[in-house]
Protein backbone atom coordinates (compact mmCIF):
# COMPACT_ATOMS: atom_id res chain seq x y z
CA MET A 1 18.43 31.01 -6.95
CA GLU A 2 18.27 27.64 -8.76
CA PHE A 3 17.57 24.48 -6.85
CA LYS A 4 19.47 21.53 -7.92
CA MET A 5 18.56 18.10 -6.58
CA GLN A 6 21.55 16.11 -5.29
CA THR A 7 21.23 12.32 -6.11
CA ARG A 8 23.70 9.64 -5.90
CA PRO A 9 24.46 7.40 -8.77
CA THR A 10 22.81 4.12 -8.58
CA PRO A 11 24.41 0.85 -10.15
CA SER A 12 22.93 -0.27 -13.53
CA ALA A 13 21.97 -3.58 -11.94
CA ALA A 14 19.67 -1.82 -9.38
CA ILE A 15 18.07 0.31 -12.01
CA THR A 16 17.40 -2.89 -14.26
CA LEU A 17 16.07 -4.73 -11.12
CA GLU A 18 13.79 -1.63 -10.38
CA LYS A 19 12.44 -1.49 -13.89
CA ALA A 20 11.82 -5.37 -14.00
CA SER A 21 9.70 -5.07 -10.85
CA PHE A 22 7.88 -1.95 -12.08
CA PHE A 23 6.68 -3.00 -15.38
CA PRO A 24 4.73 -6.05 -14.26
CA ARG A 25 2.75 -3.90 -11.65
CA VAL A 26 1.99 -1.39 -14.37
CA TYR A 27 0.66 -4.08 -16.60
CA GLY A 28 -1.31 -5.45 -13.76
CA TRP A 29 -3.12 -1.95 -13.14
CA MET A 30 -3.79 -1.69 -16.97
CA ALA A 31 -5.37 -5.20 -17.04
CA LEU A 32 -7.56 -4.22 -14.06
CA GLY A 33 -8.61 -1.01 -15.74
CA LEU A 34 -9.40 -2.84 -19.00
CA LEU A 35 -11.46 -5.52 -17.07
CA VAL A 36 -13.39 -2.70 -15.20
CA SER A 37 -14.12 -1.01 -18.76
CA ALA A 38 -15.20 -4.38 -20.07
CA VAL A 39 -17.61 -5.18 -17.27
CA ALA A 40 -18.98 -1.54 -17.42
CA SER A 41 -19.52 -1.82 -21.31
CA PHE A 42 -21.30 -5.05 -20.99
CA GLY A 43 -23.51 -3.82 -18.25
CA LEU A 44 -24.44 -0.86 -20.53
CA LEU A 45 -25.06 -2.92 -23.53
CA SER A 46 -27.19 -5.54 -21.95
CA SER A 47 -29.60 -3.05 -20.27
CA PRO A 48 -32.18 -1.52 -22.64
CA SER A 49 -33.19 1.33 -20.36
CA ALA A 50 -29.33 2.50 -20.05
CA LEU A 51 -29.21 2.33 -23.87
CA LYS A 52 -32.16 4.37 -24.36
CA PHE A 53 -30.93 6.92 -21.73
CA VAL A 54 -27.50 7.35 -23.51
CA PHE A 55 -28.60 7.28 -27.07
CA GLY A 56 -32.06 8.84 -26.65
CA SER A 57 -30.91 12.15 -25.99
CA LYS A 58 -28.00 14.03 -27.91
CA VAL A 59 -27.18 16.17 -24.89
CA VAL A 60 -26.40 13.08 -22.81
CA TYR A 61 -24.56 11.28 -25.69
CA PHE A 62 -22.27 14.21 -26.45
CA GLY A 63 -21.91 14.99 -22.73
CA LEU A 64 -20.53 11.48 -22.09
CA ILE A 65 -18.20 11.85 -25.04
CA LEU A 66 -16.95 15.35 -23.79
CA GLY A 67 -16.61 13.91 -20.21
CA ALA A 68 -14.44 11.10 -21.55
CA LEU A 69 -12.17 13.36 -23.58
CA THR A 70 -11.79 15.65 -20.48
CA LEU A 71 -10.85 12.62 -18.25
CA TYR A 72 -8.29 11.37 -20.79
CA LEU A 73 -6.54 14.75 -21.05
CA ASP A 74 -6.63 14.97 -17.26
CA PHE A 75 -4.59 11.81 -17.14
CA VAL A 76 -2.27 12.95 -19.78
CA ASN A 77 -1.60 16.23 -17.95
CA LEU A 78 -1.14 14.37 -14.71
CA PHE A 79 1.48 12.06 -16.40
CA LEU A 80 3.19 14.95 -17.83
CA MET A 81 3.30 16.76 -14.40
CA LEU A 82 4.65 13.72 -12.79
CA LEU A 83 7.43 13.37 -15.44
CA ARG A 84 8.44 16.91 -14.73
CA LEU A 85 8.62 16.38 -11.01
CA LEU A 86 10.22 13.05 -10.93
CA GLY A 87 12.24 13.15 -14.11
CA ARG A 88 16.00 12.99 -14.05
CA ARG A 89 17.87 15.85 -15.44
CA LYS A 90 21.46 15.52 -16.72
């Protein structure tokens, strides 16, 4: 048994308005994420003890790189899952 979602067509003006209000919010969240990353990087680079902790041990250094890569791939997979769930099929 195949499940087909029933949707009613929306006028193109409503879709355009929806996109116009969606993108500024996305860019706002992206800017906030960039700001948080910049503040964290500045804090790390201005603290000699934090620099020694990160770069003093190869295990910590490569562990942080692996953790960042894992987090990135998690977000990519989450995005792809949301596309599958919410994507429109023709």
